[in-house]
PDB file of N, CA and C in Angstrom:
ATOM      1  N   UNK A   1      67.397 152.465  25.677  1.00  0.00           N
ATOM      2  CA  UNK A   1      66.812 152.544  24.415  1.00  0.00           C
ATOM      3  C   UNK A   1      66.609 153.994  23.960  1.00  0.00           C
ATOM      4  N   UNK A   2      66.779 154.306  22.712  1.00  0.00           N
ATOM      5  CA  UNK A   2      66.620 155.640  22.230  1.00  0.00           C
ATOM      6  C   UNK A   2      65.154 155.894  22.023  1.00  0.00           C
ATOM      7  N   UNK A   3      64.750 157.115  22.394  1.00  0.00           N
ATOM      8  CA  UNK A   3      63.394 157.548  22.217  1.00  0.00           C
ATOM      9  C   UNK A   3      63.275 158.206  20.836  1.00  0.00           C
ATOM     10  N   UNK A   4      62.147 157.831  20.187  1.00  0.00           N
ATOM     11  CA  UNK A   4      61.909 158.369  18.899  1.00  0.00           C
ATOM     12  C   UNK A   4      60.928 159.499  18.972  1.00  0.00           C
ATOM     13  N   UNK A   5      61.235 160.604  18.330  1.00  0.00           N
ATOM     14  CA  UNK A   5      60.213 161.718  18.322  1.00  0.00           C
ATOM     15  C   UNK A   5      59.068 161.318  17.360  1.00  0.00           C
ATOM     16  N   UNK A   6      57.906 161.645  17.690  1.00  0.00           N
ATOM     17  CA  UNK A   6      56.811 161.409  16.816  1.00  0.00           C
ATOM     18  C   UNK A   6      56.719 162.438  15.711  1.00  0.00           C
ATOM     19  N   UNK A   7      56.497 161.895  14.534  1.00  0.00           N
ATOM     20  CA  UNK A   7      56.414 162.828  13.325  1.00  0.00           C
ATOM     21  C   UNK A   7      55.172 163.701  13.397  1.00  0.00           C
ATOM     22  N   UNK A   8      55.320 164.849  12.801  1.00  0.00           N
ATOM     23  CA  UNK A   8      54.173 165.769  12.749  1.00  0.00           C
ATOM     24  C   UNK A   8      53.185 165.294  11.639  1.00  0.00           C
ATOM     25  N   UNK A   9      51.869 165.245  11.981  1.00  0.00           N
ATOM     26  CA  UNK A   9      50.860 164.926  11.051  1.00  0.00           C
ATOM     27  C   UNK A   9      50.957 165.985   9.891  1.00  0.00           C
ATOM     28  N   UNK A  10      50.589 165.597   8.645  1.00  0.00           N
ATOM     29  CA  UNK A  10      50.737 166.450   7.482  1.00  0.00           C
ATOM     30  C   UNK A  10      49.853 167.749   7.648  1.00  0.00           C
ATOM     31  N   UNK A  11      48.717 167.612   8.156  1.00  0.00           N
ATOM     32  CA  UNK A  11      47.881 168.838   8.375  1.00  0.00           C
ATOM     33  C   UNK A  11      48.491 169.788   9.326  1.00  0.00           C
ATOM     34  N   UNK A  12      49.129 169.363  10.361  1.00  0.00           N
ATOM     35  CA  UNK A  12      49.776 170.177  11.353  1.00  0.00           C
ATOM     36  C   UNK A  12      50.991 170.865  10.708  1.00  0.00           C
ATOM     37  N   UNK A  13      51.741 170.104   9.985  1.00  0.00           N
ATOM     38  CA  UNK A  13      52.923 170.579   9.230  1.00  0.00           C
ATOM     39  C   UNK A  13      52.455 171.697   8.275  1.00  0.00           C
ATOM     40  N   UNK A  14      51.471 171.421   7.471  1.00  0.00           N
ATOM     41  CA  UNK A  14      50.937 172.421   6.437  1.00  0.00           C
ATOM     42  C   UNK A  14      50.549 173.702   7.193  1.00  0.00           C
ATOM     43  N   UNK A  15      49.867 173.600   8.321  1.00  0.00           N
ATOM     44  CA  UNK A  15      49.455 174.830   9.078  1.00  0.00           C
ATOM     45  C   UNK A  15      50.681 175.556   9.488  1.00  0.00           C
ATOM     46  N   UNK A  16      51.747 174.894  10.001  1.00  0.00           N
ATOM     47  CA  UNK A  16      52.956 175.607  10.412  1.00  0.00           C
ATOM     48  C   UNK A  16      53.605 176.293   9.234  1.00  0.00           C
ATOM     49  N   UNK A  17      53.622 175.683   8.073  1.00  0.00           N
ATOM     50  CA  UNK A  17      54.290 176.250   6.914  1.00  0.00           C
ATOM     51  C   UNK A  17      53.521 177.500   6.470  1.00  0.00           C
ATOM     52  N   UNK A  18      52.204 177.513   6.522  1.00  0.00           N
ATOM     53  CA  UNK A  18      51.506 178.721   6.152  1.00  0.00           C
ATOM     54  C   UNK A  18      51.739 179.935   7.046  1.00  0.00           C
ATOM     55  N   UNK A  19      52.269 179.723   8.287  1.00  0.00           N
ATOM     56  CA  UNK A  19      52.524 180.826   9.129  1.00  0.00           C
ATOM     57  C   UNK A  19      53.753 181.604   8.712  1.00  0.00           C
ATOM     58  N   UNK A  20      54.629 180.926   7.958  1.00  0.00           N
ATOM     59  CA  UNK A  20      55.779 181.646   7.415  1.00  0.00           C
ATOM     60  C   UNK A  20      55.511 182.073   6.070  1.00  0.00           C
ATOM     61  N   UNK A  21      55.178 183.380   5.877  1.00  0.00           N
ATOM     62  CA  UNK A  21      54.588 183.883   4.605  1.00  0.00           C
ATOM     63  C   UNK A  21      55.629 183.704   3.463  1.00  0.00           C
ATOM     64  N   UNK A  22      56.853 183.935   3.686  1.00  0.00           N
ATOM     65  CA  UNK A  22      57.828 183.807   2.630  1.00  0.00           C
ATOM     66  C   UNK A  22      57.924 182.361   2.122  1.00  0.00           C
ATOM     67  N   UNK A  23      57.857 181.379   2.955  1.00  0.00           N
ATOM     68  CA  UNK A  23      57.882 179.980   2.622  1.00  0.00           C
ATOM     69  C   UNK A  23      56.613 179.638   1.891  1.00  0.00           C
ATOM     70  N   UNK A  24      55.504 180.087   2.427  1.00  0.00           N
ATOM     71  CA  UNK A  24      54.156 179.797   1.823  1.00  0.00           C
ATOM     72  C   UNK A  24      54.146 180.375   0.369  1.00  0.00           C
ATOM     73  N   UNK A  25      54.564 181.607   0.285  1.00  0.00           N
ATOM     74  CA  UNK A  25      54.577 182.183  -1.100  1.00  0.00           C
ATOM     75  C   UNK A  25      55.456 181.478  -2.049  1.00  0.00           C
ATOM     76  N   UNK A  26      56.645 181.019  -1.558  1.00  0.00           N
ATOM     77  CA  UNK A  26      57.642 180.234  -2.393  1.00  0.00           C
ATOM     78  C   UNK A  26      56.924 178.927  -2.812  1.00  0.00           C
ATOM     79  N   UNK A  27      56.344 178.212  -1.899  1.00  0.00           N
ATOM     80  CA  UNK A  27      55.692 176.980  -2.188  1.00  0.00           C
ATOM     81  C   UNK A  27      54.533 177.099  -3.092  1.00  0.00           C
ATOM     82  N   UNK A  28      53.738 178.166  -2.916  1.00  0.00           N
ATOM     83  CA  UNK A  28      52.645 178.465  -3.815  1.00  0.00           C
ATOM     84  C   UNK A  28      53.075 178.748  -5.282  1.00  0.00           C
ATOM     85  N   UNK A  29      54.195 179.423  -5.350  1.00  0.00           N
ATOM     86  CA  UNK A  29      54.721 179.742  -6.644  1.00  0.00           C
ATOM     87  C   UNK A  29      55.211 178.517  -7.420  1.00  0.00           C
ATOM     88  N   UNK A  30      55.869 177.595  -6.642  1.00  0.00           N
ATOM     89  CA  UNK A  30      56.229 176.327  -7.224  1.00  0.00           C
ATOM     90  C   UNK A  30      55.046 175.516  -7.676  1.00  0.00           C
ATOM     91  N   UNK A  31      53.981 175.489  -6.904  1.00  0.00           N
ATOM     92  CA  UNK A  31      52.768 174.828  -7.232  1.00  0.00           C
ATOM     93  C   UNK A  31      52.170 175.401  -8.545  1.00  0.00           C
ATOM     94  N   UNK A  32      52.149 176.686  -8.645  1.00  0.00           N
ATOM     95  CA  UNK A  32      51.545 177.356  -9.874  1.00  0.00           C
ATOM     96  C   UNK A  32      52.442 176.978 -11.122  1.00  0.00           C
ATOM     97  N   UNK A  33      53.729 177.016 -10.970  1.00  0.00           N
ATOM     98  CA  UNK A  33      54.576 176.695 -12.105  1.00  0.00           C
ATOM     99  C   UNK A  33      54.656 175.300 -12.481  1.00  0.00           C
ATOM    100  N   UNK A  34      54.303 174.366 -11.620  1.00  0.00           N
ATOM    101  CA  UNK A  34      54.438 172.949 -11.859  1.00  0.00           C
ATOM    102  C   UNK A  34      53.073 172.277 -12.274  1.00  0.00           C
ATOM    103  N   UNK A  35      51.999 173.085 -12.247  1.00  0.00           N
ATOM    104  CA  UNK A  35      50.672 172.515 -12.588  1.00  0.00           C
ATOM    105  C   UNK A  35      50.659 171.941 -14.031  1.00  0.00           C
ATOM    106  N   UNK A  36      51.224 172.703 -15.043  1.00  0.00           N
ATOM    107  CA  UNK A  36      51.193 172.107 -16.371  1.00  0.00           C
ATOM    108  C   UNK A  36      51.960 170.762 -16.458  1.00  0.00           C
ATOM    109  N   UNK A  37      53.032 170.640 -15.804  1.00  0.00           N
ATOM    110  CA  UNK A  37      53.833 169.379 -15.768  1.00  0.00           C
ATOM    111  C   UNK A  37      53.012 168.251 -15.085  1.00  0.00           C
ATOM    112  N   UNK A  38      52.403 168.569 -13.957  1.00  0.00           N
ATOM    113  CA  UNK A  38      51.576 167.580 -13.235  1.00  0.00           C
ATOM    114  C   UNK A  38      50.481 167.086 -14.102  1.00  0.00           C
ATOM    115  N   UNK A  39      49.733 168.031 -14.844  1.00  0.00           N
ATOM    116  CA  UNK A  39      48.585 167.650 -15.648  1.00  0.00           C
ATOM    117  C   UNK A  39      48.946 166.890 -16.849  1.00  0.00           C
ATOM    118  N   UNK A  40      50.008 167.311 -17.567  1.00  0.00           N
ATOM    119  CA  UNK A  40      50.281 166.816 -18.927  1.00  0.00           C
ATOM    120  C   UNK A  40      51.286 165.652 -19.005  1.00  0.00           C
ATOM    121  N   UNK A  41      52.076 165.467 -17.939  1.00  0.00           N
ATOM    122  CA  UNK A  41      53.196 164.467 -18.112  1.00  0.00           C
ATOM    123  C   UNK A  41      52.764 163.027 -18.357  1.00  0.00           C
ATOM    124  N   UNK A  42      51.640 162.579 -17.674  1.00  0.00           N
ATOM    125  CA  UNK A  42      51.268 161.152 -17.891  1.00  0.00           C
ATOM    126  C   UNK A  42      50.770 160.876 -19.288  1.00  0.00           C
ATOM    127  N   UNK A  43      49.932 161.709 -19.943  1.00  0.00           N
ATOM    128  CA  UNK A  43      49.665 161.402 -21.336  1.00  0.00           C
ATOM    129  C   UNK A  43      50.819 161.423 -22.272  1.00  0.00           C
ATOM    130  N   UNK A  44      51.842 162.370 -22.010  1.00  0.00           N
ATOM    131  CA  UNK A  44      52.960 162.310 -22.801  1.00  0.00           C
ATOM    132  C   UNK A  44      53.823 161.099 -22.602  1.00  0.00           C
ATOM    133  N   UNK A  45      53.985 160.653 -21.335  1.00  0.00           N
ATOM    134  CA  UNK A  45      54.760 159.416 -21.089  1.00  0.00           C
ATOM    135  C   UNK A  45      53.997 158.198 -21.756  1.00  0.00           C
ATOM    136  N   UNK A  46      52.682 158.185 -21.712  1.00  0.00           N
ATOM    137  CA  UNK A  46      51.920 157.162 -22.366  1.00  0.00           C
ATOM    138  C   UNK A  46      52.178 157.143 -23.919  1.00  0.00           C
ATOM    139  N   UNK A  47      52.347 158.270 -24.481  1.00  0.00           N
ATOM    140  CA  UNK A  47      52.654 158.363 -25.891  1.00  0.00           C
ATOM    141  C   UNK A  47      54.069 157.962 -26.210  1.00  0.00           C
ATOM    142  N   UNK A  48      55.015 158.330 -25.359  1.00  0.00           N
ATOM    143  CA  UNK A  48      56.461 158.097 -25.578  1.00  0.00           C
ATOM    144  C   UNK A  48      56.858 156.666 -25.272  1.00  0.00           C
ATOM    145  N   UNK A  49      56.159 156.097 -24.351  1.00  0.00           N
ATOM    146  CA  UNK A  49      56.630 154.684 -23.925  1.00  0.00           C
ATOM    147  C   UNK A  49      56.549 153.655 -25.106  1.00  0.00           C
ATOM    148  N   UNK A  50      55.517 153.537 -25.870  1.00  0.00           N
ATOM    149  CA  UNK A  50      55.574 152.514 -26.944  1.00  0.00           C
ATOM    150  C   UNK A  50      56.752 152.762 -27.917  1.00  0.00           C
ATOM    151  N   UNK A  51      57.098 154.033 -28.185  1.00  0.00           N
ATOM    152  CA  UNK A  51      58.191 154.375 -29.110  1.00  0.00           C
ATOM    153  C   UNK A  51      59.519 153.966 -28.494  1.00  0.00           C
ATOM    154  N   UNK A  52      59.722 154.174 -27.207  1.00  0.00           N
ATOM    155  CA  UNK A  52      61.007 153.933 -26.591  1.00  0.00           C
ATOM    156  C   UNK A  52      61.245 152.466 -26.105  1.00  0.00           C
ATOM    157  N   UNK A  53      60.170 151.763 -25.847  1.00  0.00           N
ATOM    158  CA  UNK A  53      60.423 150.414 -25.211  1.00  0.00           C
ATOM    159  C   UNK A  53      61.089 149.445 -26.212  1.00  0.00           C
ATOM    160  N   UNK A  54      60.608 149.542 -27.478  1.00  0.00           N
ATOM    161  CA  UNK A  54      61.224 148.683 -28.496  1.00  0.00           C
ATOM    162  C   UNK A  54      62.700 149.033 -28.785  1.00  0.00           C
ATOM    163  N   UNK A  55      62.989 150.287 -28.844  1.00  0.00           N
ATOM    164  CA  UNK A  55      64.358 150.776 -29.104  1.00  0.00           C
ATOM    165  C   UNK A  55      65.280 150.251 -27.958  1.00  0.00           C
ATOM    166  N   UNK A  56      64.795 150.429 -26.747  1.00  0.00           N
ATOM    167  CA  UNK A  56      65.662 150.042 -25.628  1.00  0.00           C
ATOM    168  C   UNK A  56      65.787 148.573 -25.529  1.00  0.00           C
ATOM    169  N   UNK A  57      64.680 147.852 -25.769  1.00  0.00           N
ATOM    170  CA  UNK A  57      64.697 146.370 -25.596  1.00  0.00           C
ATOM    171  C   UNK A  57      65.467 145.733 -26.704  1.00  0.00           C
ATOM    172  N   UNK A  58      65.537 146.332 -27.885  1.00  0.00           N
ATOM    173  CA  UNK A  58      66.241 145.722 -29.010  1.00  0.00           C
ATOM    174  C   UNK A  58      67.731 146.171 -29.045  1.00  0.00           C
ATOM    175  N   UNK A  59      68.160 147.003 -28.153  1.00  0.00           N
ATOM    176  CA  UNK A  59      69.573 147.444 -28.024  1.00  0.00           C
ATOM    177  C   UNK A  59      70.374 146.356 -27.374  1.00  0.00           C
ATOM    178  N   UNK A  60      71.671 146.446 -27.674  1.00  0.00           N
ATOM    179  CA  UNK A  60      72.676 145.533 -27.092  1.00  0.00           C
ATOM    180  C   UNK A  60      72.835 145.801 -25.600  1.00  0.00           C
ATOM    181  N   UNK A  61      73.526 144.929 -24.815  1.00  0.00           N
ATOM    182  CA  UNK A  61      73.752 145.103 -23.393  1.00  0.00           C
ATOM    183  C   UNK A  61      74.418 146.418 -23.102  1.00  0.00           C
ATOM    184  N   UNK A  62      75.503 146.745 -23.864  1.00  0.00           N
ATOM    185  CA  UNK A  62      76.246 147.945 -23.561  1.00  0.00           C
ATOM    186  C   UNK A  62      75.390 149.177 -23.789  1.00  0.00           C
ATOM    187  N   UNK A  63      74.634 149.204 -24.906  1.00  0.00           N
ATOM    188  CA  UNK A  63      73.722 150.276 -25.184  1.00  0.00           C
ATOM    189  C   UNK A  63      72.676 150.418 -24.079  1.00  0.00           C
ATOM    190  N   UNK A  64      72.107 149.256 -23.641  1.00  0.00           N
ATOM    191  CA  UNK A  64      71.121 149.292 -22.580  1.00  0.00           C
ATOM    192  C   UNK A  64      71.695 149.854 -21.298  1.00  0.00           C
ATOM    193  N   UNK A  65      72.949 149.591 -21.036  1.00  0.00           N
ATOM    194  CA  UNK A  65      73.593 150.142 -19.824  1.00  0.00           C
ATOM    195  C   UNK A  65      73.694 151.621 -19.890  1.00  0.00           C
ATOM    196  N   UNK A  66      74.127 152.152 -21.071  1.00  0.00           N
ATOM    197  CA  UNK A  66      74.170 153.582 -21.250  1.00  0.00           C
ATOM    198  C   UNK A  66      72.836 154.201 -21.188  1.00  0.00           C
ATOM    199  N   UNK A  67      71.769 153.554 -21.871  1.00  0.00           N
ATOM    200  CA  UNK A  67      70.466 154.112 -21.810  1.00  0.00           C
ATOM    201  C   UNK A  67      69.835 154.109 -20.381  1.00  0.00           C
ATOM    202  N   UNK A  68      70.190 153.046 -19.705  1.00  0.00           N
ATOM    203  CA  UNK A  68      69.628 152.958 -18.271  1.00  0.00           C
ATOM    204  C   UNK A  68      70.228 154.062 -17.429  1.00  0.00           C
ATOM    205  N   UNK A  69      71.394 154.539 -17.744  1.00  0.00           N
ATOM    206  CA  UNK A  69      71.969 155.609 -16.920  1.00  0.00           C
ATOM    207  C   UNK A  69      71.492 156.972 -17.432  1.00  0.00           C
ATOM    208  N   UNK A  70      71.409 157.159 -18.735  1.00  0.00           N
ATOM    209  CA  UNK A  70      71.061 158.462 -19.320  1.00  0.00           C
ATOM    210  C   UNK A  70      69.600 158.706 -19.482  1.00  0.00           C
ATOM    211  N   UNK A  71      68.831 157.686 -19.845  1.00  0.00           N
ATOM    212  CA  UNK A  71      67.483 157.897 -20.295  1.00  0.00           C
ATOM    213  C   UNK A  71      66.599 158.601 -19.234  1.00  0.00           C
ATOM    214  N   UNK A  72      66.671 158.267 -17.928  1.00  0.00           N
ATOM    215  CA  UNK A  72      65.782 158.934 -16.960  1.00  0.00           C
ATOM    216  C   UNK A  72      66.034 160.527 -16.979  1.00  0.00           C
ATOM    217  N   UNK A  73      67.186 160.985 -16.965  1.00  0.00           N
ATOM    218  CA  UNK A  73      67.471 162.377 -16.979  1.00  0.00           C
ATOM    219  C   UNK A  73      67.046 163.050 -18.252  1.00  0.00           C
ATOM    220  N   UNK A  74      67.406 162.418 -19.395  1.00  0.00           N
ATOM    221  CA  UNK A  74      67.014 162.966 -20.725  1.00  0.00           C
ATOM    222  C   UNK A  74      65.503 162.961 -20.879  1.00  0.00           C
ATOM    223  N   UNK A  75      64.846 161.881 -20.573  1.00  0.00           N
ATOM    224  CA  UNK A  75      63.430 161.781 -20.729  1.00  0.00           C
ATOM    225  C   UNK A  75      62.676 162.762 -19.802  1.00  0.00           C
ATOM    226  N   UNK A  76      63.193 162.991 -18.622  1.00  0.00           N
ATOM    227  CA  UNK A  76      62.630 163.948 -17.745  1.00  0.00           C
ATOM    228  C   UNK A  76      62.736 165.390 -18.352  1.00  0.00           C
ATOM    229  N   UNK A  77      63.855 165.746 -18.865  1.00  0.00           N
ATOM    230  CA  UNK A  77      64.028 167.094 -19.461  1.00  0.00           C
ATOM    231  C   UNK A  77      63.120 167.220 -20.687  1.00  0.00           C
ATOM    232  N   UNK A  78      63.034 166.163 -21.557  1.00  0.00           N
ATOM    233  CA  UNK A  78      62.168 166.179 -22.698  1.00  0.00           C
ATOM    234  C   UNK A  78      60.700 166.354 -22.344  1.00  0.00           C
ATOM    235  N   UNK A  79      60.308 165.556 -21.337  1.00  0.00           N
ATOM    236  CA  UNK A  79      58.899 165.543 -20.915  1.00  0.00           C
ATOM    237  C   UNK A  79      58.521 166.967 -20.317  1.00  0.00           C
ATOM    238  N   UNK A  80      59.342 167.482 -19.516  1.00  0.00           N
ATOM    239  CA  UNK A  80      59.110 168.748 -18.896  1.00  0.00           C
ATOM    240  C   UNK A  80      58.987 169.868 -19.942  1.00  0.00           C
ATOM    241  N   UNK A  81      59.960 169.829 -20.949  1.00  0.00           N
ATOM    242  CA  UNK A  81      59.938 170.820 -22.015  1.00  0.00           C
ATOM    243  C   UNK A  81      58.563 170.611 -22.866  1.00  0.00           C
ATOM    244  N   UNK A  82      58.242 169.395 -23.135  1.00  0.00           N
ATOM    245  CA  UNK A  82      56.952 169.203 -23.954  1.00  0.00           C
ATOM    246  C   UNK A  82      55.779 169.656 -23.072  1.00  0.00           C
ATOM    247  N   UNK A  83      55.740 169.346 -21.803  1.00  0.00           N
ATOM    248  CA  UNK A  83      54.606 169.817 -20.953  1.00  0.00           C
ATOM    249  C   UNK A  83      54.414 171.274 -21.011  1.00  0.00           C
ATOM    250  N   UNK A  84      55.526 172.024 -20.835  1.00  0.00           N
ATOM    251  CA  UNK A  84      55.460 173.481 -20.889  1.00  0.00           C
ATOM    252  C   UNK A  84      55.150 174.000 -22.292  1.00  0.00           C
ATOM    253  N   UNK A  85      55.576 173.313 -23.299  1.00  0.00           N
ATOM    254  CA  UNK A  85      55.118 173.728 -24.691  1.00  0.00           C
ATOM    255  C   UNK A  85      53.685 173.475 -24.842  1.00  0.00           C
ATOM    256  N   UNK A  86      53.127 172.348 -24.474  1.00  0.00           N
ATOM    257  CA  UNK A  86      51.647 172.108 -24.585  1.00  0.00           C
ATOM    258  C   UNK A  86      50.859 173.104 -23.759  1.00  0.00           C
ATOM    259  N   UNK A  87      51.358 173.474 -22.534  1.00  0.00           N
ATOM    260  CA  UNK A  87      50.668 174.461 -21.785  1.00  0.00           C
ATOM    261  C   UNK A  87      50.628 175.823 -22.499  1.00  0.00           C
ATOM    262  N   UNK A  88      51.697 176.095 -23.178  1.00  0.00           N
ATOM    263  CA  UNK A  88      51.790 177.448 -23.883  1.00  0.00           C
ATOM    264  C   UNK A  88      50.846 177.470 -25.157  1.00  0.00           C
ATOM    265  N   UNK A  89      50.625 176.343 -25.817  1.00  0.00           N
ATOM    266  CA  UNK A  89      49.860 176.362 -27.033  1.00  0.00           C
ATOM    267  C   UNK A  89      48.347 176.101 -26.830  1.00  0.00           C
ATOM    268  N   UNK A  90      48.000 175.374 -25.767  1.00  0.00           N
ATOM    269  CA  UNK A  90      46.617 174.999 -25.540  1.00  0.00           C
ATOM    270  C   UNK A  90      45.878 176.139 -24.868  1.00  0.00           C
ATOM    271  N   UNK A  91      44.605 176.417 -25.233  1.00  0.00           N
ATOM    272  CA  UNK A  91      43.817 177.314 -24.501  1.00  0.00           C
ATOM    273  C   UNK A  91      43.758 176.915 -23.051  1.00  0.00           C
ATOM    274  N   UNK A  92      44.022 177.870 -22.068  1.00  0.00           N
ATOM    275  CA  UNK A  92      44.051 177.394 -20.658  1.00  0.00           C
ATOM    276  C   UNK A  92      42.802 176.833 -20.179  1.00  0.00           C
ATOM    277  N   UNK A  93      41.641 177.213 -20.667  1.00  0.00           N
ATOM    278  CA  UNK A  93      40.385 176.701 -20.161  1.00  0.00           C
ATOM    279  C   UNK A  93      40.194 175.232 -20.420  1.00  0.00           C
ATOM    280  N   UNK A  94      40.968 174.684 -21.385  1.00  0.00           N
ATOM    281  CA  UNK A  94      40.732 173.255 -21.720  1.00  0.00           C
ATOM    282  C   UNK A  94      41.081 172.379 -20.558  1.00  0.00           C
ATOM    283  N   UNK A  95      42.222 172.559 -19.928  1.00  0.00           N
ATOM    284  CA  UNK A  95      42.631 171.641 -18.855  1.00  0.00           C
ATOM    285  C   UNK A  95      43.304 172.349 -17.742  1.00  0.00           C
ATOM    286  N   UNK A  96      43.590 173.610 -17.792  1.00  0.00           N
ATOM    287  CA  UNK A  96      44.319 174.206 -16.702  1.00  0.00           C
ATOM    288  C   UNK A  96      43.459 175.179 -15.802  1.00  0.00           C
ATOM    289  N   UNK A  97      42.226 175.444 -16.170  1.00  0.00           N
ATOM    290  CA  UNK A  97      41.335 176.219 -15.342  1.00  0.00           C
ATOM    291  C   UNK A  97      40.220 175.370 -14.732  1.00  0.00           C
ATOM    292  N   UNK A  98      39.594 175.893 -13.655  1.00  0.00           N
ATOM    293  CA  UNK A  98      38.514 175.212 -13.058  1.00  0.00           C
ATOM    294  C   UNK A  98      37.362 175.180 -13.974  1.00  0.00           C
ATOM    295  N   UNK A  99      36.619 174.127 -13.925  1.00  0.00           N
ATOM    296  CA  UNK A  99      35.421 174.079 -14.862  1.00  0.00           C
ATOM    297  C   UNK A  99      34.370 175.089 -14.434  1.00  0.00           C
ATOM    298  N   UNK A 100      33.547 175.504 -15.365  1.00  0.00           N
ATOM    299  CA  UNK A 100      32.480 176.427 -15.097  1.00  0.00           C
ATOM    300  C   UNK A 100      31.160 175.653 -14.757  1.00  0.00           C
ATOM    301  N   UNK A 101      30.449 176.180 -13.910  1.00  0.00           N
ATOM    302  CA  UNK A 101      29.151 175.577 -13.554  1.00  0.00           C
ATOM    303  C   UNK A 101      28.060 175.943 -14.549  1.00  0.00           C
ATOM    304  N   UNK A 102      26.909 175.434 -14.549  1.00  0.00           N
ATOM    305  CA  UNK A 102      25.816 175.780 -15.390  1.00  0.00           C
ATOM    306  C   UNK A 102      25.371 177.239 -15.254  1.00  0.00           C
ATOM    307  N   UNK A 103      25.660 177.913 -14.082  1.00  0.00           N
ATOM    308  CA  UNK A 103      25.321 179.268 -13.897  1.00  0.00           C
ATOM    309  C   UNK A 103      26.336 180.180 -14.487  1.00  0.00           C
ATOM    310  N   UNK A 104      27.450 179.656 -15.024  1.00  0.00           N
ATOM    311  CA  UNK A 104      28.491 180.512 -15.645  1.00  0.00           C
ATOM    312  C   UNK A 104      29.549 180.895 -14.612  1.00  0.00           C
ATOM    313  N   UNK A 105      29.342 180.584 -13.381  1.00  0.00           N
ATOM    314  CA  UNK A 105      30.334 180.924 -12.304  1.00  0.00           C
ATOM    315  C   UNK A 105      31.286 179.747 -12.179  1.00  0.00           C
ATOM    316  N   UNK A 106      32.501 180.067 -11.807  1.00  0.00           N
ATOM    317  CA  UNK A 106      33.524 178.962 -11.593  1.00  0.00           C
ATOM    318  C   UNK A 106      33.165 178.143 -10.353  1.00  0.00           C
ATOM    319  N   UNK A 107      33.649 176.942 -10.314  1.00  0.00           N
ATOM    320  CA  UNK A 107      33.411 176.126  -9.249  1.00  0.00           C
ATOM    321  C   UNK A 107      33.915 176.686  -7.914  1.00  0.00           C
ATOM    322  N   UNK A 108      35.079 177.341  -8.044  1.00  0.00           N
ATOM    323  CA  UNK A 108      35.731 177.938  -6.784  1.00  0.00           C
ATOM    324  C   UNK A 108      34.909 179.101  -6.224  1.00  0.00           C
ATOM    325  N   UNK A 109      34.030 179.700  -7.021  1.00  0.00           N
ATOM    326  CA  UNK A 109      33.236 180.871  -6.529  1.00  0.00           C
ATOM    327  C   UNK A 109      32.021 180.519  -5.784  1.00  0.00           C
ATOM    328  N   UNK A 110      31.703 179.205  -5.686  1.00  0.00           N
ATOM    329  CA  UNK A 110      30.474 178.812  -4.980  1.00  0.00           C
ATOM    330  C   UNK A 110      30.590 179.036  -3.510  1.00  0.00           C
TER     331      UNK A 110
END
């Protein structure tokens, strides 16, 4: 019988990744750049869904096949662009900064 190697727990893997500074910096950079997409994408999808569901449902079978193939990639690009646009026009303290405590200090500074 083949022996299976045990998977590394996530906390151990995260600890190992932080030891490689170049990789840690790269992952932190990705995290900073994707925060607006993470925060804004669900409300945008909630707004887009009602508009798209009727169009797709009322299309013929051939159009539905094309939409089923193209819609995920197109919608992903549109949602990412809209998320970055919203991030650019909204004041950052609305949803992208840590909340302030009653003392005026940020939550992270406690």
